[in-house]
């Protein structure tokens, strides 16, 4: 439960920080009509939605297994991550359109020193949110928090572009404002596509990485009693995996002895590989005389 409590805390901090940034960006956007700041404001609005989705997804994913969901509700994390990604893509496309129009159609952009101040405040707040959420994401291997952490990091970079645009606009170079708006929008779209692909892979039961599979196989073959392994399968269960495989052992071993090997393997894999949620092992006896 510690994992879900930390995820909830990270999402709430994200909501509070993004609401604050959204309000001050919205005010300065209305005053200046800056396309870059408008894009940055929409990005913060998207962040509020993302953090809210993180909170809901985490709340559902934290529920225990029941009769209808034997493996728990862990995939809710990835379902809500997909919602976030789709929203990001559509929002990015809308801002790209508005920014392109802003290049060819004269707008009412008016420079204001508050553009620079708001950008600096945003970079500071987002940097500290990134440090915190990145720590939580790495500790608990949580895709939802990782998505939010990446977003905080990206916002530091994007708002730096906005700051650059604001400084140039002070010297009368105003067309950069719309160009930066387009760049921010494209970044939002690419981030959304990346999150979508990761979520899709899990929801479509993509198997474990080769690295994790090799760790499991190393543990198995450390036991000399295991002669062969086949039918290795892995299914994602939330942020972890359920695996199953068949081991071949000497048929002269008693049923108690052969299943004792399987029981020991299940416990060892669970202790040594945190990515594995459940291990199911089928034991197949081998007649060594026939094999020879």
Protein backbone atom coordinates (compact mmCIF):
# COMPACT_ATOMS: atom_id res chain seq x y z
CA UNK A 1 0.00 0.00 0.00
CA UNK A 2 2.99 2.32 0.44
CA UNK A 3 3.36 2.44 -3.35
CA UNK A 4 -0.19 3.67 -3.83
CA UNK A 5 0.03 6.21 -1.01
CA UNK A 6 3.19 7.73 -2.51
CA UNK A 7 1.56 7.78 -5.95
CA UNK A 8 -1.48 9.56 -4.53
CA UNK A 9 0.73 12.12 -2.82
CA UNK A 10 2.71 12.74 -6.03
CA UNK A 11 -0.48 13.27 -8.04
CA UNK A 12 -1.92 15.68 -5.45
CA UNK A 13 1.27 17.74 -5.40
CA UNK A 14 1.09 17.83 -9.20
CA UNK A 15 -2.51 19.07 -9.13
CA UNK A 16 -1.74 21.84 -6.64
CA UNK A 17 1.37 23.01 -8.50
CA UNK A 18 -0.30 22.92 -11.90
CA UNK A 19 -3.42 24.78 -10.75
CA UNK A 20 -1.21 27.58 -9.42
CA UNK A 21 0.78 27.75 -12.67
CA UNK A 22 -2.35 27.53 -14.83
CA UNK A 23 -3.94 30.53 -13.11
CA UNK A 24 -0.93 32.85 -13.41
CA UNK A 25 -0.26 31.76 -17.02
CA UNK A 26 -3.90 32.27 -17.98
CA UNK A 27 -3.88 35.81 -16.60
CA UNK A 28 -0.71 36.83 -18.46
CA UNK A 29 -1.97 35.09 -21.65
CA UNK A 30 -5.12 37.20 -21.60
CA UNK A 31 -3.08 40.36 -21.07
CA UNK A 32 -0.40 39.72 -23.73
CA UNK A 33 -2.12 37.43 -26.31
CA UNK A 34 1.18 35.51 -26.52
CA UNK A 35 0.79 32.29 -28.55
CA UNK A 36 3.72 30.72 -26.70
CA UNK A 37 2.17 31.54 -23.32
CA UNK A 38 -1.26 30.38 -24.49
CA UNK A 39 0.32 27.04 -25.49
CA UNK A 40 2.10 26.90 -22.13
CA UNK A 41 -1.19 27.67 -20.35
CA UNK A 42 -2.97 24.86 -22.22
CA UNK A 43 -0.08 22.58 -21.31
CA UNK A 44 -0.62 23.38 -17.63
CA UNK A 45 -4.36 22.75 -18.05
CA UNK A 46 -3.48 19.39 -19.55
CA UNK A 47 -1.16 18.72 -16.61
CA UNK A 48 -4.04 19.30 -14.17
CA UNK A 49 -6.12 16.77 -16.09
CA UNK A 50 -3.18 14.34 -16.18
CA UNK A 51 -2.61 14.58 -12.43
CA UNK A 52 -6.33 14.09 -11.81
CA UNK A 53 -6.32 10.99 -14.05
CA UNK A 54 -3.23 9.75 -12.18
CA UNK A 55 -5.09 10.06 -8.89
CA UNK A 56 -8.17 8.18 -10.18
CA UNK A 57 -6.12 5.49 -11.94
CA UNK A 58 -4.00 4.93 -8.84
CA UNK A 59 -7.11 4.72 -6.64
CA UNK A 60 -8.62 2.01 -8.83
CA UNK A 61 -5.33 0.16 -9.29
CA UNK A 62 -4.85 -0.03 -5.51
CA UNK A 63 -7.97 -2.19 -5.06
CA UNK A 64 -7.36 -5.80 -4.07
CA UNK A 65 -8.20 -8.75 -6.30
CA UNK A 66 -11.83 -9.89 -6.21
CA UNK A 67 -14.03 -12.56 -7.81
CA UNK A 68 -14.42 -10.54 -11.01
CA UNK A 69 -10.78 -9.40 -11.18
CA UNK A 70 -8.68 -12.32 -9.99
CA UNK A 71 -5.38 -10.57 -10.71
CA UNK A 72 -6.37 -7.23 -9.18
CA UNK A 73 -6.99 -3.87 -10.87
CA UNK A 74 -3.40 -2.91 -11.69
CA UNK A 75 -4.06 -2.31 -15.40
CA UNK A 76 -6.13 0.74 -14.47
CA UNK A 77 -2.83 2.63 -14.34
CA UNK A 78 -2.27 1.96 -18.03
CA UNK A 79 -5.87 2.54 -19.06
CA UNK A 80 -5.80 6.02 -17.54
CA UNK A 81 -2.34 6.66 -18.98
CA UNK A 82 -3.90 6.03 -22.39
CA UNK A 83 -6.65 8.57 -21.64
CA UNK A 84 -3.93 11.08 -20.79
CA UNK A 85 -2.01 10.41 -24.00
CA UNK A 86 -5.04 10.83 -26.28
CA UNK A 87 -5.93 14.13 -24.60
CA UNK A 88 -2.36 15.39 -25.00
CA UNK A 89 -2.33 14.60 -28.75
CA UNK A 90 -5.62 16.39 -29.48
CA UNK A 91 -4.65 19.38 -27.34
CA UNK A 92 -1.28 19.64 -29.10
CA UNK A 93 -2.89 19.56 -32.55
CA UNK A 94 -5.26 22.38 -31.61
CA UNK A 95 -2.41 24.61 -30.36
CA UNK A 96 -0.32 23.87 -33.47
CA UNK A 97 -3.21 25.11 -35.61
CA UNK A 98 -3.65 28.29 -33.57
CA UNK A 99 0.09 29.01 -33.59
CA UNK A 100 0.40 28.53 -37.35
CA UNK A 101 -2.50 30.90 -37.88
CA UNK A 102 -0.74 33.36 -35.56
CA UNK A 103 2.29 33.46 -37.86
CA UNK A 104 0.31 34.54 -40.93
CA UNK A 105 -2.37 36.62 -39.29
CA UNK A 106 -1.38 39.71 -37.36
CA UNK A 107 -2.37 39.36 -33.72
CA UNK A 108 -2.50 41.67 -30.73
CA UNK A 109 0.59 40.33 -28.95
CA UNK A 110 1.83 42.87 -26.41
CA UNK A 111 5.07 42.34 -24.48
CA UNK A 112 4.87 42.46 -20.69
CA UNK A 113 7.65 41.83 -18.16
CA UNK A 114 5.31 39.46 -16.35
CA UNK A 115 5.86 37.03 -19.24
CA UNK A 116 9.45 36.61 -18.09
CA UNK A 117 8.55 36.45 -14.39
CA UNK A 118 5.86 33.80 -14.92
CA UNK A 119 8.27 31.70 -17.02
CA UNK A 120 10.90 31.77 -14.27
CA UNK A 121 8.34 30.82 -11.60
CA UNK A 122 7.12 27.95 -13.78
CA UNK A 123 10.63 26.57 -14.33
CA UNK A 124 11.37 26.61 -10.58
CA UNK A 125 8.08 24.93 -9.58
CA UNK A 126 8.30 22.31 -12.34
CA UNK A 127 11.92 21.48 -11.55
CA UNK A 128 11.11 20.65 -7.92
CA UNK A 129 8.02 18.65 -8.96
CA UNK A 130 10.22 16.71 -11.40
CA UNK A 131 12.79 15.86 -8.70
CA UNK A 132 10.09 14.57 -6.37
CA UNK A 133 8.01 12.57 -8.88
CA UNK A 134 11.10 11.11 -10.56
CA UNK A 135 12.22 9.72 -7.20
CA UNK A 136 8.79 8.14 -6.59
CA UNK A 137 8.57 6.74 -10.15
CA UNK A 138 11.97 5.05 -9.91
CA UNK A 139 11.32 3.66 -6.45
CA UNK A 140 7.98 2.06 -7.33
CA UNK A 141 8.32 1.58 -11.13
CA UNK A 142 5.02 3.38 -11.70
CA UNK A 143 4.14 4.36 -15.30
CA UNK A 144 1.57 6.95 -14.24
CA UNK A 145 4.01 8.78 -11.98
CA UNK A 146 6.76 8.36 -14.60
CA UNK A 147 4.48 10.01 -17.17
CA UNK A 148 3.91 12.92 -14.79
CA UNK A 149 7.61 13.13 -13.94
CA UNK A 150 8.58 13.26 -17.62
CA UNK A 151 5.95 15.93 -18.15
CA UNK A 152 7.37 18.09 -15.34
CA UNK A 153 10.85 17.74 -16.85
CA UNK A 154 9.61 18.54 -20.33
CA UNK A 155 7.78 21.60 -19.01
CA UNK A 156 11.05 22.99 -17.67
CA UNK A 157 12.49 22.78 -21.18
CA UNK A 158 9.37 24.07 -22.93
CA UNK A 159 8.95 27.03 -20.60
CA UNK A 160 12.63 27.83 -21.16
CA UNK A 161 11.75 28.20 -24.84
CA UNK A 162 8.85 30.41 -23.81
CA UNK A 163 11.24 32.51 -21.73
CA UNK A 164 13.59 32.81 -24.72
CA UNK A 165 10.66 33.93 -26.88
CA UNK A 166 9.59 36.51 -24.28
CA UNK A 167 13.09 37.99 -24.12
CA UNK A 168 13.24 38.26 -27.92
CA UNK A 169 9.81 39.88 -28.03
CA UNK A 170 11.15 42.58 -25.71
CA UNK A 171 13.55 43.50 -28.53
CA UNK A 172 10.71 43.53 -31.07
CA UNK A 173 11.24 40.01 -32.52
CA UNK A 174 7.65 38.86 -32.08
CA UNK A 175 7.25 36.16 -34.76
CA UNK A 176 9.32 33.78 -32.58
CA UNK A 177 6.35 33.71 -30.19
CA UNK A 178 4.19 31.68 -32.60
CA UNK A 179 7.11 29.44 -33.57
CA UNK A 180 7.70 28.58 -29.90
CA UNK A 181 3.97 27.91 -29.58
CA UNK A 182 4.27 25.34 -32.37
CA UNK A 183 7.36 23.72 -30.80
CA UNK A 184 5.60 23.39 -27.42
CA UNK A 185 2.59 21.85 -29.15
CA UNK A 186 4.70 19.33 -31.07
CA UNK A 187 6.41 18.30 -27.85
CA UNK A 188 3.01 17.74 -26.23
CA UNK A 189 1.97 15.54 -29.17
CA UNK A 190 5.17 13.45 -29.16
CA UNK A 191 4.95 12.93 -25.39
CA UNK A 192 1.34 11.81 -25.77
CA UNK A 193 2.24 9.32 -28.50
CA UNK A 194 5.05 7.88 -26.37
CA UNK A 195 2.75 7.37 -23.36
CA UNK A 196 0.10 5.83 -25.65
CA UNK A 197 2.56 3.25 -27.02
CA UNK A 198 3.76 2.24 -23.53
CA UNK A 199 0.19 1.91 -22.25
CA UNK A 200 -0.91 0.00 -25.34
CA UNK A 201 1.92 -2.51 -24.93
CA UNK A 202 0.85 -3.37 -21.38
CA UNK A 203 -2.89 -3.49 -22.16
CA UNK A 204 -2.11 -5.83 -25.07
CA UNK A 205 -0.17 -8.10 -22.70
CA UNK A 206 3.31 -7.44 -24.05
CA UNK A 207 5.71 -9.90 -22.47
CA UNK A 208 8.53 -9.11 -20.05
CA UNK A 209 11.82 -7.73 -21.25
CA UNK A 210 14.64 -10.08 -22.26
CA UNK A 211 16.62 -8.82 -19.28
CA UNK A 212 13.98 -9.86 -16.72
CA UNK A 213 13.40 -13.19 -18.47
CA UNK A 214 17.12 -13.95 -18.32
CA UNK A 215 17.14 -13.17 -14.59
CA UNK A 216 14.36 -15.71 -14.09
CA UNK A 217 16.17 -18.33 -16.19
CA UNK A 218 19.40 -17.77 -14.26
CA UNK A 219 17.57 -18.52 -11.00
CA UNK A 220 15.96 -21.61 -12.49
CA UNK A 221 19.18 -23.12 -13.84
CA UNK A 222 21.02 -22.43 -10.60
CA UNK A 223 19.05 -25.47 -9.46
CA UNK A 224 20.84 -28.46 -10.97
CA UNK A 225 17.76 -30.62 -10.51
CA UNK A 226 16.07 -28.69 -13.34
CA UNK A 227 16.98 -30.38 -16.62
CA UNK A 228 15.02 -28.23 -19.06
CA UNK A 229 12.49 -25.36 -19.20
CA UNK A 230 9.83 -24.65 -21.80
CA UNK A 231 6.37 -23.07 -22.27
CA UNK A 232 7.61 -19.82 -20.69
CA UNK A 233 4.81 -17.22 -20.67
CA UNK A 234 4.43 -13.80 -19.07
CA UNK A 235 1.35 -11.60 -18.62
CA UNK A 236 1.42 -8.03 -17.23
CA UNK A 237 -0.59 -7.51 -14.05
CA UNK A 238 -0.57 -3.77 -13.40
CA UNK A 239 3.04 -2.72 -13.01
CA UNK A 240 4.26 -6.32 -12.51
CA UNK A 241 4.01 -9.68 -14.29
CA UNK A 242 2.58 -13.13 -13.79
CA UNK A 243 4.82 -15.81 -15.30
CA UNK A 244 4.36 -19.52 -15.92
CA UNK A 245 6.63 -22.22 -17.27
CA UNK A 246 7.28 -25.95 -17.22
CA UNK A 247 10.34 -27.49 -15.61
CA UNK A 248 11.61 -30.98 -16.39
CA UNK A 249 13.08 -33.02 -13.51
CA UNK A 250 14.26 -36.56 -12.89
CA UNK A 251 11.25 -38.90 -12.91
CA UNK A 252 12.84 -40.94 -10.12
CA UNK A 253 12.19 -38.07 -7.70
CA UNK A 254 9.12 -38.40 -5.52
CA UNK A 255 6.12 -36.12 -6.14
CA UNK A 256 6.93 -34.34 -2.88
CA UNK A 257 10.56 -33.75 -3.91
CA UNK A 258 9.79 -32.51 -7.44
CA UNK A 259 7.09 -30.12 -6.26
CA UNK A 260 9.40 -28.97 -3.49
CA UNK A 261 11.78 -27.75 -6.21
CA UNK A 262 8.94 -25.80 -7.83
CA UNK A 263 7.85 -24.28 -4.51
CA UNK A 264 11.39 -23.16 -3.76
CA UNK A 265 11.72 -21.60 -7.22
CA UNK A 266 8.47 -19.67 -6.84
CA UNK A 267 9.60 -18.18 -3.52
CA UNK A 268 13.10 -17.35 -4.78
CA UNK A 269 11.83 -15.63 -7.94
CA UNK A 270 9.37 -13.54 -5.92
CA UNK A 271 12.09 -12.48 -3.46
CA UNK A 272 14.78 -11.66 -6.03
CA UNK A 273 12.76 -10.14 -8.87
CA UNK A 274 10.26 -7.46 -7.71
CA UNK A 275 8.79 -7.17 -11.23
CA UNK A 276 7.29 -10.67 -10.84
CA UNK A 277 3.87 -10.72 -9.15
CA UNK A 278 3.12 -14.43 -9.38
CA UNK A 279 4.97 -17.53 -10.61
CA UNK A 280 3.11 -20.67 -11.69
CA UNK A 281 5.26 -23.75 -12.36
CA UNK A 282 4.25 -27.04 -13.96
CA UNK A 283 6.51 -29.99 -13.13
CA UNK A 284 7.15 -32.59 -15.81
CA UNK A 285 9.04 -35.80 -14.86
CA UNK A 286 11.64 -37.18 -17.27
CA UNK A 287 12.74 -40.80 -17.60
CA UNK A 288 16.50 -40.32 -17.69
CA UNK A 289 17.10 -43.91 -18.84
CA UNK A 290 14.99 -43.32 -21.95
CA UNK A 291 16.57 -39.90 -22.47
CA UNK A 292 20.01 -41.48 -22.49
